[in-house]
């Protein structure tokens, strides 16, 4: 017996789109998503402005920002 332990299982995280387990390792090019499809669904949601990053209140009327 050589004492070599098997490699650890890759970390799994819930896919942000469908919540199925997704491998979070370099072997998954779509990480943190489970598939290219879920990755595309998420990108489409950003493109359609389904997700928004809020700005601090009052930035619309800030005269110090360039037009």
N, C-alpha and C. Protein backbone atom coordinates (compact mmCIF):
# COMPACT_ATOMS: atom_id res chain seq x y z
N UNK A 1 0.85 -1.19 0.00
CA UNK A 1 0.00 0.00 0.00
C UNK A 1 0.88 1.24 0.00
N UNK A 2 0.61 2.17 -0.89
CA UNK A 2 1.47 3.35 -1.04
C UNK A 2 1.00 4.53 -0.20
N UNK A 3 -0.22 4.51 0.30
CA UNK A 3 -0.70 5.61 1.14
C UNK A 3 -1.21 6.82 0.38
N UNK A 4 -1.40 6.69 -0.92
CA UNK A 4 -1.92 7.82 -1.71
C UNK A 4 -3.43 7.90 -1.55
N UNK A 5 -3.90 9.06 -1.18
CA UNK A 5 -5.34 9.28 -1.05
C UNK A 5 -5.91 9.66 -2.42
N UNK A 6 -7.14 9.28 -2.70
CA UNK A 6 -7.75 9.70 -3.97
C UNK A 6 -7.90 11.22 -4.00
N UNK A 7 -7.90 11.80 -5.19
CA UNK A 7 -8.06 13.27 -5.25
C UNK A 7 -9.41 13.67 -4.67
N UNK A 8 -9.47 14.83 -4.05
CA UNK A 8 -10.75 15.28 -3.47
C UNK A 8 -11.79 15.53 -4.56
N UNK A 9 -13.03 15.34 -4.19
CA UNK A 9 -14.12 15.63 -5.12
C UNK A 9 -14.14 17.13 -5.41
N UNK A 10 -14.43 17.52 -6.65
CA UNK A 10 -14.52 18.96 -6.93
C UNK A 10 -15.67 19.60 -6.17
N UNK A 11 -15.49 20.84 -5.82
CA UNK A 11 -16.52 21.59 -5.11
C UNK A 11 -17.74 21.77 -6.00
N UNK A 12 -18.91 21.60 -5.43
CA UNK A 12 -20.17 21.81 -6.16
C UNK A 12 -20.91 22.97 -5.52
N UNK A 13 -21.44 23.84 -6.37
CA UNK A 13 -22.22 25.00 -5.91
C UNK A 13 -23.53 25.01 -6.67
N UNK A 14 -24.57 25.63 -6.12
CA UNK A 14 -25.83 25.71 -6.87
C UNK A 14 -25.68 26.65 -8.07
N UNK A 15 -26.17 26.22 -9.20
CA UNK A 15 -26.17 27.07 -10.40
C UNK A 15 -27.02 28.30 -10.12
N UNK A 16 -26.53 29.51 -10.40
CA UNK A 16 -27.32 30.71 -10.14
C UNK A 16 -28.63 30.77 -10.93
N UNK A 17 -28.70 30.06 -12.05
CA UNK A 17 -29.89 30.12 -12.89
C UNK A 17 -30.92 29.05 -12.53
N UNK A 18 -30.50 27.79 -12.48
CA UNK A 18 -31.46 26.70 -12.28
C UNK A 18 -31.34 26.01 -10.93
N UNK A 19 -30.34 26.38 -10.16
CA UNK A 19 -30.10 25.84 -8.80
C UNK A 19 -29.63 24.39 -8.77
N UNK A 20 -29.38 23.75 -9.92
CA UNK A 20 -28.81 22.40 -9.91
C UNK A 20 -27.34 22.48 -9.50
N UNK A 21 -26.78 21.39 -8.98
CA UNK A 21 -25.36 21.41 -8.60
C UNK A 21 -24.46 21.64 -9.82
N UNK A 22 -23.50 22.50 -9.68
CA UNK A 22 -22.55 22.79 -10.74
C UNK A 22 -21.14 22.64 -10.19
N UNK A 23 -20.27 22.00 -10.96
CA UNK A 23 -18.89 21.82 -10.54
C UNK A 23 -18.18 23.17 -10.62
N UNK A 24 -17.60 23.58 -9.50
CA UNK A 24 -16.87 24.85 -9.46
C UNK A 24 -15.38 24.53 -9.51
N UNK A 25 -14.91 24.26 -10.73
CA UNK A 25 -13.52 23.89 -10.95
C UNK A 25 -13.15 24.27 -12.39
N UNK A 26 -11.86 24.37 -12.68
CA UNK A 26 -11.44 24.70 -14.04
C UNK A 26 -11.97 23.73 -15.11
N UNK A 27 -12.36 22.52 -14.70
CA UNK A 27 -12.90 21.56 -15.66
C UNK A 27 -14.28 21.97 -16.18
N UNK A 28 -14.94 22.93 -15.51
CA UNK A 28 -16.25 23.42 -15.95
C UNK A 28 -16.08 24.83 -16.53
N UNK A 29 -16.01 24.96 -17.85
CA UNK A 29 -15.80 26.29 -18.45
C UNK A 29 -16.96 27.26 -18.25
N UNK A 30 -18.12 26.75 -17.83
CA UNK A 30 -19.28 27.62 -17.60
C UNK A 30 -19.44 28.05 -16.15
N UNK A 31 -18.49 27.66 -15.28
CA UNK A 31 -18.65 27.95 -13.85
C UNK A 31 -18.89 29.41 -13.60
N UNK A 32 -19.74 29.80 -12.71
CA UNK A 32 -20.41 29.02 -11.69
C UNK A 32 -21.71 28.37 -12.17
N UNK A 33 -21.98 28.44 -13.46
CA UNK A 33 -23.21 27.87 -14.01
C UNK A 33 -23.01 26.39 -14.31
N UNK A 34 -24.10 25.65 -14.41
CA UNK A 34 -24.00 24.21 -14.67
C UNK A 34 -23.81 23.92 -16.16
N UNK A 35 -24.19 24.88 -17.02
CA UNK A 35 -24.10 24.64 -18.46
C UNK A 35 -23.98 25.96 -19.21
N UNK A 36 -23.64 25.84 -20.48
CA UNK A 36 -23.57 27.02 -21.35
C UNK A 36 -24.95 27.65 -21.49
N UNK A 37 -26.00 26.82 -21.49
CA UNK A 37 -27.37 27.33 -21.59
C UNK A 37 -27.70 28.24 -20.42
N UNK A 38 -27.42 27.79 -19.19
CA UNK A 38 -27.71 28.62 -18.02
C UNK A 38 -26.87 29.89 -18.02
N UNK A 39 -25.66 29.78 -18.50
CA UNK A 39 -24.79 30.96 -18.61
C UNK A 39 -25.41 31.98 -19.58
N UNK A 40 -25.94 31.50 -20.70
CA UNK A 40 -26.58 32.37 -21.68
C UNK A 40 -27.87 32.99 -21.17
N UNK A 41 -28.63 32.22 -20.39
CA UNK A 41 -29.88 32.74 -19.81
C UNK A 41 -29.54 33.91 -18.88
N UNK A 42 -28.51 33.75 -18.07
CA UNK A 42 -28.10 34.81 -17.15
C UNK A 42 -27.62 36.05 -17.92
N UNK A 43 -26.82 35.84 -18.95
CA UNK A 43 -26.35 36.97 -19.76
C UNK A 43 -27.52 37.71 -20.40
N UNK A 44 -28.51 36.96 -20.89
CA UNK A 44 -29.70 37.58 -21.48
C UNK A 44 -30.49 38.39 -20.47
N UNK A 45 -30.54 37.92 -19.23
CA UNK A 45 -31.25 38.67 -18.19
C UNK A 45 -30.56 40.00 -17.92
N UNK A 46 -29.22 39.99 -17.91
CA UNK A 46 -28.50 41.26 -17.74
C UNK A 46 -28.74 42.18 -18.94
N UNK A 47 -28.70 41.61 -20.15
CA UNK A 47 -28.89 42.42 -21.36
C UNK A 47 -30.29 43.02 -21.43
N UNK A 48 -31.28 42.31 -20.90
CA UNK A 48 -32.66 42.82 -20.89
C UNK A 48 -32.97 43.68 -19.68
N UNK A 49 -31.94 43.95 -18.88
CA UNK A 49 -32.06 44.76 -17.67
C UNK A 49 -33.00 44.14 -16.64
N UNK A 50 -33.06 42.81 -16.61
CA UNK A 50 -33.82 42.13 -15.56
C UNK A 50 -33.11 42.27 -14.22
N UNK A 51 -31.79 42.36 -14.27
CA UNK A 51 -30.99 42.61 -13.07
C UNK A 51 -30.56 44.06 -13.10
N UNK A 52 -30.49 44.67 -11.95
CA UNK A 52 -30.05 46.07 -11.89
C UNK A 52 -29.13 46.25 -10.69
N UNK A 53 -28.17 47.12 -10.86
CA UNK A 53 -27.29 47.51 -9.77
C UNK A 53 -27.73 48.91 -9.38
N UNK A 54 -28.18 49.04 -8.13
CA UNK A 54 -28.71 50.33 -7.70
C UNK A 54 -27.59 51.34 -7.50
N UNK A 55 -27.89 52.57 -7.85
CA UNK A 55 -26.97 53.69 -7.63
C UNK A 55 -27.43 54.43 -6.38
N UNK A 56 -26.53 55.13 -5.75
CA UNK A 56 -26.95 55.93 -4.58
C UNK A 56 -28.02 56.94 -5.00
N UNK A 57 -28.97 57.28 -4.12
CA UNK A 57 -30.02 58.23 -4.47
C UNK A 57 -29.43 59.58 -4.88
N UNK A 58 -30.08 60.21 -5.83
CA UNK A 58 -29.71 61.56 -6.22
C UNK A 58 -28.68 61.66 -7.34
N UNK A 59 -28.24 60.56 -7.89
CA UNK A 59 -27.22 60.63 -8.94
C UNK A 59 -27.79 61.17 -10.25
N UNK A 60 -29.10 61.07 -10.47
CA UNK A 60 -29.69 61.56 -11.71
C UNK A 60 -29.56 63.07 -11.84
N UNK A 61 -29.56 63.78 -10.73
CA UNK A 61 -29.52 65.25 -10.76
C UNK A 61 -28.16 65.79 -10.30
N UNK A 62 -27.13 64.99 -10.35
CA UNK A 62 -25.81 65.41 -9.90
C UNK A 62 -25.12 66.21 -11.01
N UNK A 63 -24.96 67.51 -10.79
CA UNK A 63 -24.35 68.38 -11.81
C UNK A 63 -22.84 68.19 -11.93
N UNK A 64 -22.22 67.47 -11.02
CA UNK A 64 -20.78 67.27 -11.10
C UNK A 64 -20.41 66.12 -12.02
N UNK A 65 -21.38 65.33 -12.45
CA UNK A 65 -21.11 64.23 -13.36
C UNK A 65 -21.12 64.72 -14.81
N UNK A 66 -20.24 64.19 -15.65
CA UNK A 66 -20.25 64.60 -17.06
C UNK A 66 -21.53 64.14 -17.75
N UNK A 67 -21.96 64.90 -18.77
CA UNK A 67 -23.17 64.55 -19.51
C UNK A 67 -22.94 63.43 -20.50
